[in-house]
Amino acid sequence: MAYQLYRNTTLGNSLQESLDELIQSRQITPQLALQVLLQFDKAINSALAQRVRNRVNFRGANYMYTGTNARFIARRGGSRL
């Protein structure tokens, strides 16, 4: 199963809005819209896995996760881009 993380991006939101309009105008069924979203999930994850070559590495001493935010506290930390 592909991750649905990228549905909340601008591209994912635009796709969902377009699919909702097509469903409301009865041009496609909700089942077809779901299949399109599942294919989007697979395609975006595959493209990012194969085409993106940039990486970010960092080290930190501690982190705090609250709700949807993660705060990383780095001591004597470094980063390499």
C-alpha atoms as a PDB file:
ATOM      1  CA  MET A   1       0.000   0.000   0.000  1.00  0.00           C
ATOM      2  CA  ALA A   2       1.396   3.381  -0.989  1.00  0.00           C
ATOM      3  CA  TYR A   3       1.599   6.164   1.562  1.00  0.00           C
ATOM      4  CA  GLN A   4      -1.081   8.847   1.348  1.00  0.00           C
ATOM      5  CA  LEU A   5       1.204  11.558   2.721  1.00  0.00           C
ATOM      6  CA  TYR A   6       1.369  13.540  -0.524  1.00  0.00           C
ATOM      7  CA  ARG A   7      -2.397  13.959  -0.831  1.00  0.00           C
ATOM      8  CA  ASN A   8      -2.067  17.038   1.384  1.00  0.00           C
ATOM      9  CA  THR A   9       0.278  18.794  -1.047  1.00  0.00           C
ATOM     10  CA  THR A  10      -0.922  21.446  -3.487  1.00  0.00           C
ATOM     11  CA  LEU A  11      -0.963  18.877  -6.272  1.00  0.00           C
ATOM     12  CA  GLY A  12      -2.830  16.306  -4.169  1.00  0.00           C
ATOM     13  CA  ASN A  13      -5.396  18.842  -2.976  1.00  0.00           C
ATOM     14  CA  SER A  14      -5.995  20.061  -6.531  1.00  0.00           C
ATOM     15  CA  LEU A  15      -6.512  16.488  -7.693  1.00  0.00           C
ATOM     16  CA  GLN A  16      -9.008  15.812  -4.906  1.00  0.00           C
ATOM     17  CA  GLU A  17     -10.937  19.013  -5.649  1.00  0.00           C
ATOM     18  CA  SER A  18     -11.104  18.138  -9.354  1.00  0.00           C
ATOM     19  CA  LEU A  19     -12.280  14.621  -8.576  1.00  0.00           C
ATOM     20  CA  ASP A  20     -14.948  15.987  -6.209  1.00  0.00           C
ATOM     21  CA  GLU A  21     -16.230  18.288  -8.964  1.00  0.00           C
ATOM     22  CA  LEU A  22     -16.364  15.383 -11.425  1.00  0.00           C
ATOM     23  CA  ILE A  23     -18.261  13.261  -8.900  1.00  0.00           C
ATOM     24  CA  GLN A  24     -20.765  16.048  -8.215  1.00  0.00           C
ATOM     25  CA  SER A  25     -21.373  16.580 -11.922  1.00  0.00           C
ATOM     26  CA  ARG A  26     -21.812  12.783 -12.221  1.00  0.00           C
ATOM     27  CA  GLN A  27     -19.042  12.454 -14.786  1.00  0.00           C
ATOM     28  CA  ILE A  28     -17.214   9.816 -12.719  1.00  0.00           C
ATOM     29  CA  THR A  29     -18.170   7.498  -9.885  1.00  0.00           C
ATOM     30  CA  PRO A  30     -16.743   7.731  -6.358  1.00  0.00           C
ATOM     31  CA  GLN A  31     -15.124   4.329  -6.934  1.00  0.00           C
ATOM     32  CA  LEU A  32     -13.252   5.654  -9.968  1.00  0.00           C
ATOM     33  CA  ALA A  33     -12.132   8.712  -7.982  1.00  0.00           C
ATOM     34  CA  LEU A  34     -10.753   6.405  -5.287  1.00  0.00           C
ATOM     35  CA  GLN A  35      -8.864   4.399  -7.907  1.00  0.00           C
ATOM     36  CA  VAL A  36      -7.381   7.628  -9.290  1.00  0.00           C
ATOM     37  CA  LEU A  37      -6.234   8.666  -5.797  1.00  0.00           C
ATOM     38  CA  LEU A  38      -4.676   5.259  -5.166  1.00  0.00           C
ATOM     39  CA  GLN A  39      -2.820   5.487  -8.480  1.00  0.00           C
ATOM     40  CA  PHE A  40      -1.665   9.004  -7.553  1.00  0.00           C
ATOM     41  CA  ASP A  41      -0.303   7.658  -4.248  1.00  0.00           C
ATOM     42  CA  LYS A  42       1.644   4.932  -6.034  1.00  0.00           C
ATOM     43  CA  ALA A  43       2.943   7.240  -8.771  1.00  0.00           C
ATOM     44  CA  ILE A  44       4.114  10.066  -6.498  1.00  0.00           C
ATOM     45  CA  ASN A  45       5.861   7.686  -4.103  1.00  0.00           C
ATOM     46  CA  SER A  46       7.546   5.867  -6.975  1.00  0.00           C
ATOM     47  CA  ALA A  47       8.659   9.095  -8.655  1.00  0.00           C
ATOM     48  CA  LEU A  48      10.109  10.501  -5.451  1.00  0.00           C
ATOM     49  CA  ALA A  49      11.891   7.248  -4.653  1.00  0.00           C
ATOM     50  CA  GLN A  50      13.478   6.992  -8.100  1.00  0.00           C
ATOM     51  CA  ARG A  51      14.057  10.580  -9.209  1.00  0.00           C
ATOM     52  CA  VAL A  52      14.954  12.576  -6.113  1.00  0.00           C
ATOM     53  CA  ARG A  53      18.626  12.309  -5.279  1.00  0.00           C
ATOM     54  CA  ASN A  54      18.989  14.993  -2.607  1.00  0.00           C
ATOM     55  CA  ARG A  55      19.373  13.899   0.982  1.00  0.00           C
ATOM     56  CA  VAL A  56      19.519  15.687   4.278  1.00  0.00           C
ATOM     57  CA  ASN A  57      21.398  14.215   7.220  1.00  0.00           C
ATOM     58  CA  PHE A  58      21.451  15.690  10.682  1.00  0.00           C
ATOM     59  CA  ARG A  59      22.286  14.606  14.193  1.00  0.00           C
ATOM     60  CA  GLY A  60      20.680  15.881  17.327  1.00  0.00           C
ATOM     61  CA  ALA A  61      20.617  15.129  21.022  1.00  0.00           C
ATOM     62  CA  ASN A  62      16.881  15.168  21.569  1.00  0.00           C
ATOM     63  CA  TYR A  63      13.513  15.856  20.006  1.00  0.00           C
ATOM     64  CA  MET A  64      10.023  16.643  21.204  1.00  0.00           C
ATOM     65  CA  TYR A  65       6.891  15.596  19.312  1.00  0.00           C
ATOM     66  CA  THR A  66       3.652  17.451  20.047  1.00  0.00           C
ATOM     67  CA  GLY A  67       0.613  16.859  17.906  1.00  0.00           C
ATOM     68  CA  THR A  68       1.622  17.323  14.297  1.00  0.00           C
ATOM     69  CA  ASN A  69       4.860  19.187  15.030  1.00  0.00           C
ATOM     70  CA  ALA A  70       8.251  17.742  15.800  1.00  0.00           C
ATOM     71  CA  ARG A  71      10.894  19.953  17.369  1.00  0.00           C
ATOM     72  CA  PHE A  72      14.489  18.858  17.062  1.00  0.00           C
ATOM     73  CA  ILE A  73      16.952  20.238  19.570  1.00  0.00           C
ATOM     74  CA  ALA A  74      20.532  19.842  18.400  1.00  0.00           C
ATOM     75  CA  ARG A  75      23.538  20.229  20.661  1.00  0.00           C
ATOM     76  CA  ARG A  76      26.890  20.405  18.989  1.00  0.00           C
ATOM     77  CA  GLY A  77      24.952  19.367  15.938  1.00  0.00           C
ATOM     78  CA  GLY A  78      25.840  19.635  12.336  1.00  0.00           C
ATOM     79  CA  SER A  79      24.119  19.242   9.057  1.00  0.00           C
ATOM     80  CA  ARG A  80      25.208  18.221   5.623  1.00  0.00           C
ATOM     81  CA  LEU A  81      23.219  19.025   2.506  1.00  0.00           C
END
